[in-house]
Amino acid sequence: MLIWKKVFLKNNNMPKDNTEFYRDRVDLLETEGWADLIEELKVMSESVKRLESIDNEKDLWFARGQLSILRQMIVLEDATKAAMTELDI
């Protein structure tokens, strides 16, 4: 996750430092909108897991990709907290 810090820029196009990056991330994660989004993603994740809707190998790989992205979003808060603990932020 530390690799991402160079991608996210401040308004003046200077890279954010780790502390600023993670504090901004926590601000996002604490919003009601984020909580609503995560609940919706969990519902979507359950529907993608249904194997009976997968007709062929292409659909299987597509569903696998969907699940991967959904899982990344769903665990973003836990991953952020773990990174902050590791960095002592």
PDB file of N, CA and C in Angstrom:
ATOM      1  N   MET A   1       0.825  -1.192   0.000  1.00  0.00           N
ATOM      2  CA  MET A   1       0.000   0.000   0.000  1.00  0.00           C
ATOM      3  C   MET A   1       0.867   1.252   0.000  1.00  0.00           C
ATOM      4  N   LEU A   2       2.067   1.186   0.470  1.00  0.00           N
ATOM      5  CA  LEU A   2       2.936   2.342   0.503  1.00  0.00           C
ATOM      6  C   LEU A   2       3.268   2.844  -0.892  1.00  0.00           C
ATOM      7  N   ILE A   3       3.225   1.968  -1.878  1.00  0.00           N
ATOM      8  CA  ILE A   3       3.501   2.361  -3.253  1.00  0.00           C
ATOM      9  C   ILE A   3       2.490   3.407  -3.715  1.00  0.00           C
ATOM     10  N   TRP A   4       1.254   3.310  -3.234  1.00  0.00           N
ATOM     11  CA  TRP A   4       0.202   4.216  -3.669  1.00  0.00           C
ATOM     12  C   TRP A   4       0.483   5.658  -3.290  1.00  0.00           C
ATOM     13  N   LYS A   5       1.258   5.907  -2.242  1.00  0.00           N
ATOM     14  CA  LYS A   5       1.418   7.272  -1.755  1.00  0.00           C
ATOM     15  C   LYS A   5       1.964   8.201  -2.824  1.00  0.00           C
ATOM     16  N   LYS A   6       2.757   7.700  -3.747  1.00  0.00           N
ATOM     17  CA  LYS A   6       3.320   8.545  -4.788  1.00  0.00           C
ATOM     18  C   LYS A   6       2.298   8.885  -5.857  1.00  0.00           C
ATOM     19  N   VAL A   7       1.222   8.117  -5.935  1.00  0.00           N
ATOM     20  CA  VAL A   7       0.192   8.346  -6.938  1.00  0.00           C
ATOM     21  C   VAL A   7      -0.742   9.466  -6.506  1.00  0.00           C
ATOM     22  N   PHE A   8      -1.047   9.543  -5.222  1.00  0.00           N
ATOM     23  CA  PHE A   8      -1.986  10.516  -4.717  1.00  0.00           C
ATOM     24  C   PHE A   8      -1.273  11.832  -4.457  1.00  0.00           C
ATOM     25  N   LEU A   9      -1.782  12.874  -5.060  1.00  0.00           N
ATOM     26  CA  LEU A   9      -1.128  14.169  -4.988  1.00  0.00           C
ATOM     27  C   LEU A   9      -2.013  15.186  -4.282  1.00  0.00           C
ATOM     28  N   LYS A  10      -1.367  16.167  -3.677  1.00  0.00           N
ATOM     29  CA  LYS A  10      -2.086  17.295  -3.103  1.00  0.00           C
ATOM     30  C   LYS A  10      -2.522  18.208  -4.244  1.00  0.00           C
ATOM     31  N   ASN A  11      -3.233  19.246  -3.911  1.00  0.00           N
ATOM     32  CA  ASN A  11      -3.695  20.201  -4.928  1.00  0.00           C
ATOM     33  C   ASN A  11      -2.541  20.857  -5.672  1.00  0.00           C
ATOM     34  N   ASN A  12      -1.394  20.990  -5.038  1.00  0.00           N
ATOM     35  CA  ASN A  12      -0.250  21.633  -5.698  1.00  0.00           C
ATOM     36  C   ASN A  12       0.648  20.608  -6.402  1.00  0.00           C
ATOM     37  N   ASN A  13       0.112  19.392  -6.627  1.00  0.00           N
ATOM     38  CA  ASN A  13       0.806  18.320  -7.350  1.00  0.00           C
ATOM     39  C   ASN A  13       2.049  17.798  -6.651  1.00  0.00           C
ATOM     40  N   MET A  14       2.160  18.034  -5.365  1.00  0.00           N
ATOM     41  CA  MET A  14       3.250  17.456  -4.576  1.00  0.00           C
ATOM     42  C   MET A  14       2.722  16.182  -3.920  1.00  0.00           C
ATOM     43  N   PRO A  15       3.540  15.136  -3.888  1.00  0.00           N
ATOM     44  CA  PRO A  15       3.070  13.888  -3.263  1.00  0.00           C
ATOM     45  C   PRO A  15       2.735  14.093  -1.783  1.00  0.00           C
ATOM     46  N   LYS A  16       1.695  13.422  -1.346  1.00  0.00           N
ATOM     47  CA  LYS A  16       1.345  13.447   0.072  1.00  0.00           C
ATOM     48  C   LYS A  16       2.319  12.559   0.833  1.00  0.00           C
ATOM     49  N   ASP A  17       2.572  12.903   2.093  1.00  0.00           N
ATOM     50  CA  ASP A  17       3.357  11.982   2.911  1.00  0.00           C
ATOM     51  C   ASP A  17       2.415  10.931   3.481  1.00  0.00           C
ATOM     52  N   ASN A  18       2.971   9.880   4.071  1.00  0.00           N
ATOM     53  CA  ASN A  18       2.150   8.764   4.571  1.00  0.00           C
ATOM     54  C   ASN A  18       1.104   9.222   5.570  1.00  0.00           C
ATOM     55  N   THR A  19       1.493  10.089   6.496  1.00  0.00           N
ATOM     56  CA  THR A  19       0.565  10.524   7.529  1.00  0.00           C
ATOM     57  C   THR A  19      -0.633  11.228   6.925  1.00  0.00           C
ATOM     58  N   GLU A  20      -0.388  12.153   6.016  1.00  0.00           N
ATOM     59  CA  GLU A  20      -1.480  12.885   5.381  1.00  0.00           C
ATOM     60  C   GLU A  20      -2.358  11.952   4.544  1.00  0.00           C
ATOM     61  N   PHE A  21      -1.729  11.047   3.829  1.00  0.00           N
ATOM     62  CA  PHE A  21      -2.460  10.085   3.008  1.00  0.00           C
ATOM     63  C   PHE A  21      -3.413   9.259   3.862  1.00  0.00           C
ATOM     64  N   TYR A  22      -2.906   8.687   4.955  1.00  0.00           N
ATOM     65  CA  TYR A  22      -3.738   7.816   5.783  1.00  0.00           C
ATOM     66  C   TYR A  22      -4.778   8.592   6.580  1.00  0.00           C
ATOM     67  N   ARG A  23      -4.467   9.791   6.999  1.00  0.00           N
ATOM     68  CA  ARG A  23      -5.488  10.596   7.694  1.00  0.00           C
ATOM     69  C   ARG A  23      -6.633  10.947   6.749  1.00  0.00           C
ATOM     70  N   ASP A  24      -6.297  11.270   5.510  1.00  0.00           N
ATOM     71  CA  ASP A  24      -7.348  11.521   4.521  1.00  0.00           C
ATOM     72  C   ASP A  24      -8.173  10.263   4.280  1.00  0.00           C
ATOM     73  N   ARG A  25      -7.518   9.112   4.240  1.00  0.00           N
ATOM     74  CA  ARG A  25      -8.213   7.840   4.040  1.00  0.00           C
ATOM     75  C   ARG A  25      -9.169   7.584   5.205  1.00  0.00           C
ATOM     76  N   VAL A  26      -8.730   7.807   6.431  1.00  0.00           N
ATOM     77  CA  VAL A  26      -9.583   7.601   7.604  1.00  0.00           C
ATOM     78  C   VAL A  26     -10.780   8.544   7.557  1.00  0.00           C
ATOM     79  N   ASP A  27     -10.548   9.792   7.143  1.00  0.00           N
ATOM     80  CA  ASP A  27     -11.674  10.730   7.010  1.00  0.00           C
ATOM     81  C   ASP A  27     -12.735  10.163   6.067  1.00  0.00           C
ATOM     82  N   LEU A  28     -12.301   9.589   4.962  1.00  0.00           N
ATOM     83  CA  LEU A  28     -13.229   8.968   4.011  1.00  0.00           C
ATOM     84  C   LEU A  28     -13.960   7.795   4.650  1.00  0.00           C
ATOM     85  N   LEU A  29     -13.212   6.929   5.315  1.00  0.00           N
ATOM     86  CA  LEU A  29     -13.792   5.714   5.883  1.00  0.00           C
ATOM     87  C   LEU A  29     -14.790   5.987   6.997  1.00  0.00           C
ATOM     88  N   GLU A  30     -14.716   7.153   7.611  1.00  0.00           N
ATOM     89  CA  GLU A  30     -15.611   7.483   8.718  1.00  0.00           C
ATOM     90  C   GLU A  30     -16.921   8.122   8.274  1.00  0.00           C
ATOM     91  N   THR A  31     -17.108   8.303   6.974  1.00  0.00           N
ATOM     92  CA  THR A  31     -18.343   8.933   6.506  1.00  0.00           C
ATOM     93  C   THR A  31     -19.484   7.921   6.427  1.00  0.00           C
ATOM     94  N   GLU A  32     -20.688   8.443   6.549  1.00  0.00           N
ATOM     95  CA  GLU A  32     -21.874   7.595   6.440  1.00  0.00           C
ATOM     96  C   GLU A  32     -21.993   7.023   5.026  1.00  0.00           C
ATOM     97  N   GLY A  33     -21.604   7.821   4.044  1.00  0.00           N
ATOM     98  CA  GLY A  33     -21.649   7.358   2.665  1.00  0.00           C
ATOM     99  C   GLY A  33     -20.760   6.150   2.437  1.00  0.00           C
ATOM    100  N   TRP A  34     -19.580   6.128   3.074  1.00  0.00           N
ATOM    101  CA  TRP A  34     -18.684   4.981   2.937  1.00  0.00           C
ATOM    102  C   TRP A  34     -19.338   3.734   3.537  1.00  0.00           C
ATOM    103  N   ALA A  35     -19.934   3.880   4.711  1.00  0.00           N
ATOM    104  CA  ALA A  35     -20.603   2.739   5.354  1.00  0.00           C
ATOM    105  C   ALA A  35     -21.727   2.205   4.465  1.00  0.00           C
ATOM    106  N   ASP A  36     -22.487   3.118   3.855  1.00  0.00           N
ATOM    107  CA  ASP A  36     -23.558   2.695   2.945  1.00  0.00           C
ATOM    108  C   ASP A  36     -22.988   1.951   1.740  1.00  0.00           C
ATOM    109  N   LEU A  37     -21.899   2.474   1.181  1.00  0.00           N
ATOM    110  CA  LEU A  37     -21.268   1.833   0.031  1.00  0.00           C
ATOM    111  C   LEU A  37     -20.793   0.428   0.370  1.00  0.00           C
ATOM    112  N   ILE A  38     -20.170   0.255   1.519  1.00  0.00           N
ATOM    113  CA  ILE A  38     -19.663  -1.059   1.919  1.00  0.00           C
ATOM    114  C   ILE A  38     -20.804  -2.048   2.076  1.00  0.00           C
ATOM    115  N   GLU A  39     -21.911  -1.627   2.648  1.00  0.00           N
ATOM    116  CA  GLU A  39     -23.064  -2.526   2.784  1.00  0.00           C
ATOM    117  C   GLU A  39     -23.576  -2.944   1.414  1.00  0.00           C
ATOM    118  N   GLU A  40     -23.626  -2.004   0.478  1.00  0.00           N
ATOM    119  CA  GLU A  40     -24.073  -2.328  -0.873  1.00  0.00           C
ATOM    120  C   GLU A  40     -23.085  -3.282  -1.558  1.00  0.00           C
ATOM    121  N   LEU A  41     -21.787  -3.062  -1.361  1.00  0.00           N
ATOM    122  CA  LEU A  41     -20.777  -3.938  -1.957  1.00  0.00           C
ATOM    123  C   LEU A  41     -20.861  -5.351  -1.390  1.00  0.00           C
ATOM    124  N   LYS A  42     -21.172  -5.476  -0.114  1.00  0.00           N
ATOM    125  CA  LYS A  42     -21.323  -6.803   0.491  1.00  0.00           C
ATOM    126  C   LYS A  42     -22.490  -7.552  -0.145  1.00  0.00           C
ATOM    127  N   VAL A  43     -23.588  -6.859  -0.406  1.00  0.00           N
ATOM    128  CA  VAL A  43     -24.740  -7.478  -1.066  1.00  0.00           C
ATOM    129  C   VAL A  43     -24.351  -7.896  -2.484  1.00  0.00           C
ATOM    130  N   MET A  44     -23.651  -7.015  -3.199  1.00  0.00           N
ATOM    131  CA  MET A  44     -23.204  -7.336  -4.551  1.00  0.00           C
ATOM    132  C   MET A  44     -22.280  -8.550  -4.540  1.00  0.00           C
ATOM    133  N   SER A  45     -21.404  -8.604  -3.549  1.00  0.00           N
ATOM    134  CA  SER A  45     -20.461  -9.710  -3.435  1.00  0.00           C
ATOM    135  C   SER A  45     -21.197 -11.036  -3.287  1.00  0.00           C
ATOM    136  N   GLU A  46     -22.232 -11.054  -2.492  1.00  0.00           N
ATOM    137  CA  GLU A  46     -23.006 -12.281  -2.301  1.00  0.00           C
ATOM    138  C   GLU A  46     -23.677 -12.719  -3.595  1.00  0.00           C
ATOM    139  N   SER A  47     -24.168 -11.763  -4.380  1.00  0.00           N
ATOM    140  CA  SER A  47     -24.832 -12.141  -5.629  1.00  0.00           C
ATOM    141  C   SER A  47     -23.832 -12.653  -6.657  1.00  0.00           C
ATOM    142  N   VAL A  48     -22.618 -12.124  -6.668  1.00  0.00           N
ATOM    143  CA  VAL A  48     -21.587 -12.579  -7.606  1.00  0.00           C
ATOM    144  C   VAL A  48     -21.119 -13.986  -7.246  1.00  0.00           C
ATOM    145  N   LYS A  49     -21.172 -14.346  -5.980  1.00  0.00           N
ATOM    146  CA  LYS A  49     -20.716 -15.667  -5.528  1.00  0.00           C
ATOM    147  C   LYS A  49     -21.618 -16.810  -5.988  1.00  0.00           C
ATOM    148  N   ARG A  50     -22.799 -16.501  -6.465  1.00  0.00           N
ATOM    149  CA  ARG A  50     -23.742 -17.546  -6.865  1.00  0.00           C
ATOM    150  C   ARG A  50     -23.269 -18.219  -8.140  1.00  0.00           C
ATOM    151  N   LEU A  51     -22.845 -19.444  -8.028  1.00  0.00           N
ATOM    152  CA  LEU A  51     -22.275 -20.176  -9.155  1.00  0.00           C
ATOM    153  C   LEU A  51     -23.299 -20.533 -10.228  1.00  0.00           C
ATOM    154  N   GLU A  52     -24.564 -20.651  -9.850  1.00  0.00           N
ATOM    155  CA  GLU A  52     -25.559 -21.057 -10.836  1.00  0.00           C
ATOM    156  C   GLU A  52     -25.753 -20.005 -11.939  1.00  0.00           C
ATOM    157  N   SER A  53     -25.318 -18.776 -11.703  1.00  0.00           N
ATOM    158  CA  SER A  53     -25.471 -17.737 -12.725  1.00  0.00           C
ATOM    159  C   SER A  53     -24.290 -17.704 -13.696  1.00  0.00           C
ATOM    160  N   ILE A  54     -23.301 -18.561 -13.488  1.00  0.00           N
ATOM    161  CA  ILE A  54     -22.114 -18.581 -14.340  1.00  0.00           C
ATOM    162  C   ILE A  54     -22.279 -19.679 -15.386  1.00  0.00           C
ATOM    163  N   ASP A  55     -22.307 -19.268 -16.655  1.00  0.00           N
ATOM    164  CA  ASP A  55     -22.584 -20.195 -17.757  1.00  0.00           C
ATOM    165  C   ASP A  55     -21.344 -20.766 -18.421  1.00  0.00           C
ATOM    166  N   ASN A  56     -20.225 -20.052 -18.357  1.00  0.00           N
ATOM    167  CA  ASN A  56     -19.036 -20.507 -19.079  1.00  0.00           C
ATOM    168  C   ASN A  56     -17.769 -20.013 -18.378  1.00  0.00           C
ATOM    169  N   GLU A  57     -16.642 -20.432 -18.893  1.00  0.00           N
ATOM    170  CA  GLU A  57     -15.356 -20.092 -18.272  1.00  0.00           C
ATOM    171  C   GLU A  57     -15.111 -18.584 -18.293  1.00  0.00           C
ATOM    172  N   LYS A  58     -15.479 -17.923 -19.369  1.00  0.00           N
ATOM    173  CA  LYS A  58     -15.289 -16.470 -19.470  1.00  0.00           C
ATOM    174  C   LYS A  58     -16.056 -15.760 -18.353  1.00  0.00           C
ATOM    175  N   ASP A  59     -17.306 -16.168 -18.139  1.00  0.00           N
ATOM    176  CA  ASP A  59     -18.112 -15.583 -17.066  1.00  0.00           C
ATOM    177  C   ASP A  59     -17.512 -15.880 -15.690  1.00  0.00           C
ATOM    178  N   LEU A  60     -16.937 -17.070 -15.540  1.00  0.00           N
ATOM    179  CA  LEU A  60     -16.302 -17.433 -14.282  1.00  0.00           C
ATOM    180  C   LEU A  60     -15.132 -16.499 -13.977  1.00  0.00           C
ATOM    181  N   TRP A  61     -14.278 -16.256 -14.958  1.00  0.00           N
ATOM    182  CA  TRP A  61     -13.135 -15.370 -14.751  1.00  0.00           C
ATOM    183  C   TRP A  61     -13.578 -13.934 -14.511  1.00  0.00           C
ATOM    184  N   PHE A  62     -14.644 -13.518 -15.182  1.00  0.00           N
ATOM    185  CA  PHE A  62     -15.188 -12.179 -14.964  1.00  0.00           C
ATOM    186  C   PHE A  62     -15.704 -12.046 -13.531  1.00  0.00           C
ATOM    187  N   ALA A  63     -16.451 -13.035 -13.067  1.00  0.00           N
ATOM    188  CA  ALA A  63     -16.979 -13.025 -11.698  1.00  0.00           C
ATOM    189  C   ALA A  63     -15.842 -13.042 -10.687  1.00  0.00           C
ATOM    190  N   ARG A  64     -14.799 -13.783 -10.978  1.00  0.00           N
ATOM    191  CA  ARG A  64     -13.645 -13.832 -10.074  1.00  0.00           C
ATOM    192  C   ARG A  64     -13.005 -12.445  -9.957  1.00  0.00           C
ATOM    193  N   GLY A  65     -12.882 -11.747 -11.068  1.00  0.00           N
ATOM    194  CA  GLY A  65     -12.348 -10.383 -11.046  1.00  0.00           C
ATOM    195  C   GLY A  65     -13.236  -9.438 -10.257  1.00  0.00           C
ATOM    196  N   GLN A  66     -14.551  -9.572 -10.450  1.00  0.00           N
ATOM    197  CA  GLN A  66     -15.487  -8.756  -9.695  1.00  0.00           C
ATOM    198  C   GLN A  66     -15.326  -8.984  -8.200  1.00  0.00           C
ATOM    199  N   LEU A  67     -15.252 -10.247  -7.802  1.00  0.00           N
ATOM    200  CA  LEU A  67     -15.103 -10.574  -6.381  1.00  0.00           C
ATOM    201  C   LEU A  67     -13.809 -10.008  -5.813  1.00  0.00           C
ATOM    202  N   SER A  68     -12.752 -10.075  -6.585  1.00  0.00           N
ATOM    203  CA  SER A  68     -11.464  -9.555  -6.124  1.00  0.00           C
ATOM    204  C   SER A  68     -11.561  -8.060  -5.824  1.00  0.00           C
ATOM    205  N   ILE A  69     -12.162  -7.314  -6.728  1.00  0.00           N
ATOM    206  CA  ILE A  69     -12.305  -5.871  -6.530  1.00  0.00           C
ATOM    207  C   ILE A  69     -13.243  -5.579  -5.361  1.00  0.00           C
ATOM    208  N   LEU A  70     -14.355  -6.291  -5.284  1.00  0.00           N
ATOM    209  CA  LEU A  70     -15.289  -6.083  -4.177  1.00  0.00           C
ATOM    210  C   LEU A  70     -14.622  -6.360  -2.837  1.00  0.00           C
ATOM    211  N   ARG A  71     -13.855  -7.432  -2.759  1.00  0.00           N
ATOM    212  CA  ARG A  71     -13.159  -7.754  -1.503  1.00  0.00           C
ATOM    213  C   ARG A  71     -12.164  -6.669  -1.124  1.00  0.00           C
ATOM    214  N   GLN A  72     -11.435  -6.143  -2.108  1.00  0.00           N
ATOM    215  CA  GLN A  72     -10.472  -5.078  -1.827  1.00  0.00           C
ATOM    216  C   GLN A  72     -11.170  -3.859  -1.234  1.00  0.00           C
ATOM    217  N   MET A  73     -12.305  -3.510  -1.775  1.00  0.00           N
ATOM    218  CA  MET A  73     -13.045  -2.359  -1.254  1.00  0.00           C
ATOM    219  C   MET A  73     -13.597  -2.645   0.143  1.00  0.00           C
ATOM    220  N   ILE A  74     -14.127  -3.844   0.328  1.00  0.00           N
ATOM    221  CA  ILE A  74     -14.741  -4.193   1.602  1.00  0.00           C
ATOM    222  C   ILE A  74     -13.713  -4.205   2.734  1.00  0.00           C
ATOM    223  N   VAL A  75     -12.486  -4.642   2.462  1.00  0.00           N
ATOM    224  CA  VAL A  75     -11.468  -4.723   3.518  1.00  0.00           C
ATOM    225  C   VAL A  75     -10.547  -3.497   3.558  1.00  0.00           C
ATOM    226  N   LEU A  76     -10.860  -2.461   2.786  1.00  0.00           N
ATOM    227  CA  LEU A  76     -10.001  -1.279   2.749  1.00  0.00           C
ATOM    228  C   LEU A  76      -9.804  -0.654   4.131  1.00  0.00           C
ATOM    229  N   GLU A  77     -10.859  -0.592   4.921  1.00  0.00           N
ATOM    230  CA  GLU A  77     -10.744  -0.004   6.254  1.00  0.00           C
ATOM    231  C   GLU A  77      -9.781  -0.805   7.123  1.00  0.00           C
ATOM    232  N   ASP A  78      -9.912  -2.122   7.136  1.00  0.00           N
ATOM    233  CA  ASP A  78      -9.011  -2.957   7.931  1.00  0.00           C
ATOM    234  C   ASP A  78      -7.571  -2.860   7.427  1.00  0.00           C
ATOM    235  N   ALA A  79      -7.402  -2.833   6.116  1.00  0.00           N
ATOM    236  CA  ALA A  79      -6.056  -2.723   5.535  1.00  0.00           C
ATOM    237  C   ALA A  79      -5.427  -1.377   5.893  1.00  0.00           C
ATOM    238  N   THR A  80      -6.231  -0.330   5.880  1.00  0.00           N
ATOM    239  CA  THR A  80      -5.732   1.002   6.231  1.00  0.00           C
ATOM    240  C   THR A  80      -5.299   1.042   7.689  1.00  0.00           C
ATOM    241  N   LYS A  81      -6.113   0.495   8.572  1.00  0.00           N
ATOM    242  CA  LYS A  81      -5.767   0.467   9.999  1.00  0.00           C
ATOM    243  C   LYS A  81      -4.494  -0.330  10.231  1.00  0.00           C
ATOM    244  N   ALA A  82      -4.347  -1.454   9.549  1.00  0.00           N
ATOM    245  CA  ALA A  82      -3.146  -2.274   9.705  1.00  0.00           C
ATOM    246  C   ALA A  82      -1.905  -1.514   9.218  1.00  0.00           C
ATOM    247  N   ALA A  83      -2.016  -0.830   8.100  1.00  0.00           N
ATOM    248  CA  ALA A  83      -0.884  -0.057   7.580  1.00  0.00           C
ATOM    249  C   ALA A  83      -0.530   1.071   8.529  1.00  0.00           C
ATOM    250  N   MET A  84      -1.537   1.727   9.081  1.00  0.00           N
ATOM    251  CA  MET A  84      -1.274   2.831  10.020  1.00  0.00           C
ATOM    252  C   MET A  84      -0.598   2.313  11.288  1.00  0.00           C
ATOM    253  N   THR A  85      -1.005   1.154  11.753  1.00  0.00           N
ATOM    254  CA  THR A  85      -0.374   0.545  12.925  1.00  0.00           C
ATOM    255  C   THR A  85       1.075   0.220  12.628  1.00  0.00           C
ATOM    256  N   GLU A  86       1.318  -0.375  11.460  1.00  0.00           N
ATOM    257  CA  GLU A  86       2.664  -0.733  11.069  1.00  0.00           C
ATOM    258  C   GLU A  86       3.569   0.497  10.936  1.00  0.00           C
ATOM    259  N   LEU A  87       2.998   1.597  10.455  1.00  0.00           N
ATOM    260  CA  LEU A  87       3.767   2.830  10.265  1.00  0.00           C
ATOM    261  C   LEU A  87       3.757   3.715  11.515  1.00  0.00           C
ATOM    262  N   ASP A  88       3.023   3.283  12.530  1.00  0.00           N
ATOM    263  CA  ASP A  88       2.901   4.028  13.790  1.00  0.00           C
ATOM    264  C   ASP A  88       2.345   5.435  13.549  1.00  0.00           C
ATOM    265  N   ILE A  89       1.251   5.479  12.785  1.00  0.00           N
ATOM    266  CA  ILE A  89       0.591   6.771  12.489  1.00  0.00           C
ATOM    267  C   ILE A  89      -0.629   6.893  13.371  1.00  0.00           C
TER     268      ILE A  89
END
